[in-house]
Each structure stands twice: as C-alpha cells, then as structure tokens.
Protein backbone atom coordinates (compact mmCIF):
# COMPACT_ATOMS: atom_id res chain seq x y z
CA MET A 1 34.04 -15.30 153.91
CA THR A 2 30.17 -14.16 154.37
CA PHE A 3 27.20 -16.17 153.46
CA GLU A 4 26.15 -13.23 151.04
CA LYS A 5 29.54 -13.37 149.60
CA MET A 6 30.11 -17.21 149.09
CA ILE A 7 26.52 -16.70 147.16
CA GLN A 8 28.38 -13.97 144.94
CA ALA A 9 30.92 -15.95 144.46
CA MET A 10 29.46 -19.15 143.80
CA THR A 11 30.12 -20.79 140.05
CA PRO A 12 27.20 -23.11 138.37
CA ASP A 13 29.12 -26.20 138.62
CA VAL A 14 29.09 -25.39 142.60
CA TYR A 15 25.43 -24.60 142.40
CA ALA A 16 24.54 -27.75 140.15
CA SER A 17 26.62 -30.01 142.52
CA LEU A 18 25.31 -28.20 146.15
CA LYS A 19 21.83 -29.29 144.74
CA ARG A 20 22.41 -32.49 143.54
CA ALA A 21 23.82 -33.14 147.54
CA VAL A 22 20.33 -31.74 148.64
CA GLU A 23 18.15 -34.04 146.57
CA LEU A 24 20.46 -37.04 147.39
CA GLY A 25 21.48 -35.96 150.80
CA LYS A 26 24.58 -37.09 149.76
CA TRP A 27 28.14 -35.32 148.82
CA PRO A 28 29.22 -36.94 145.57
CA ASN A 29 31.98 -38.99 146.94
CA GLY A 30 29.01 -40.68 148.64
CA GLN A 31 28.95 -39.56 152.38
CA THR A 32 25.47 -38.83 153.45
CA LEU A 33 25.03 -34.84 154.50
CA SER A 34 24.15 -34.27 157.93
CA GLN A 35 20.91 -32.20 158.61
CA GLU A 36 23.41 -28.90 159.51
CA GLN A 37 24.45 -29.38 156.21
CA ARG A 38 21.47 -30.30 153.77
CA GLU A 39 20.10 -27.39 155.80
CA THR A 40 22.82 -24.75 154.96
CA SER A 41 23.42 -26.22 151.43
CA MET A 42 19.58 -26.14 150.54
CA ARG A 43 19.77 -22.21 152.10
CA ALA A 44 22.80 -20.88 149.76
CA VAL A 45 21.17 -23.43 146.37
CA ILE A 46 17.84 -20.88 147.42
CA ALA A 47 19.99 -18.12 147.48
CA TYR A 48 22.15 -18.72 144.20
CA GLU A 49 18.71 -19.09 142.33
CA ALA A 50 16.96 -16.11 143.81
CA ALA A 51 20.56 -13.80 142.69
CA ASN A 52 20.77 -15.56 139.43
CA LEU A 53 17.76 -17.33 137.94
CA PRO A 54 14.31 -16.31 136.61
CA GLU A 55 11.96 -17.17 138.97
CA GLU A 56 10.32 -19.93 136.26
CA GLN A 57 13.98 -22.03 136.56
CA ARG A 58 13.60 -21.89 140.49
CA SER A 59 13.49 -24.78 143.09
CA GLY A 60 9.76 -25.33 143.86
CA TYR A 61 8.16 -22.93 141.07
CA ILE A 62 5.10 -23.61 140.48
CA ASP A 63 3.40 -22.96 136.99
CA ARG A 64 -0.16 -20.84 137.67
CA THR A 65 -0.99 -20.26 134.32
CA LYS A 66 -3.93 -21.69 132.61
CA LYS A 67 -3.82 -22.60 129.05
CA ASP A 68 -5.76 -19.45 128.21
CA GLY A 69 -2.94 -16.99 130.30
CA SER A 70 -5.12 -16.44 133.58
CA GLN A 71 -3.75 -17.34 136.76
CA HIS A 72 -4.61 -20.58 138.81
CA GLY A 73 -6.09 -19.30 142.18
CA LYS A 74 -5.01 -16.20 143.98
CA ASN A 75 -0.96 -15.34 144.40
CA PRO A 76 -0.12 -16.83 148.00
CA LEU A 77 2.19 -13.35 148.22
CA GLU A 78 -0.49 -10.50 147.49
CA PRO A 79 -1.83 -9.08 150.64
CA GLN A 80 -4.96 -9.63 151.16
CA VAL A 81 -7.73 -7.21 151.87
CA LEU A 82 -9.69 -8.18 155.28
CA LYS A 83 -14.13 -6.47 156.10
CA ILE A 84 -14.62 -6.32 159.66
CA LEU A 85 -18.41 -5.99 159.72
CA ASN A 86 -19.82 -4.96 163.01
CA GLU A 87 -24.07 -5.85 163.09
CA HIS A 88 -25.42 -3.87 166.04
C-alpha cells in the first residue's frame, strides 16, 4: 500500500490515535515512538488533515484575523515582489 492510499483509507479513529501518539511521543500501549515512527506518523497526520479538514482545524493553524476582520501581518505563502534599483 502506498502512503497516499494509506491516507485515503485512514479512519478518523486511526488519525486521532496517530495524532495523540505524536503529541505524547508514545503509542497507546505506552511504548515510546522511535524518531522514524514519530516523523512518519507526523507526515500521516499532516497529510490526513490536508485531505480531510478545513484549514482552521489543522495542526499548526494560526488565525491571523484581527477583531475587525483584517489580517495580522502578511501571508507567508504569498509571493513577494522585489524591486531592484540601479543607481548610476
């Protein structure tokens, strides 16, 4: 099974269990996750969230909205325009 197919087949219960394991650093039975298991589980959690949850419910989401509805700062994913000035 490929990683993508595993994410598509993942149930909400499996997602919740993986997310909890990453948060605590151990499996439900108390066994510690190895670094590789933690990284793979984190990738699976992020991929599941991207495919199944709205942005504001995903891990690491930062609400940049002020009380007046405007945004704090710039969106880091927006491209920035650079101006190059030549002084001769």
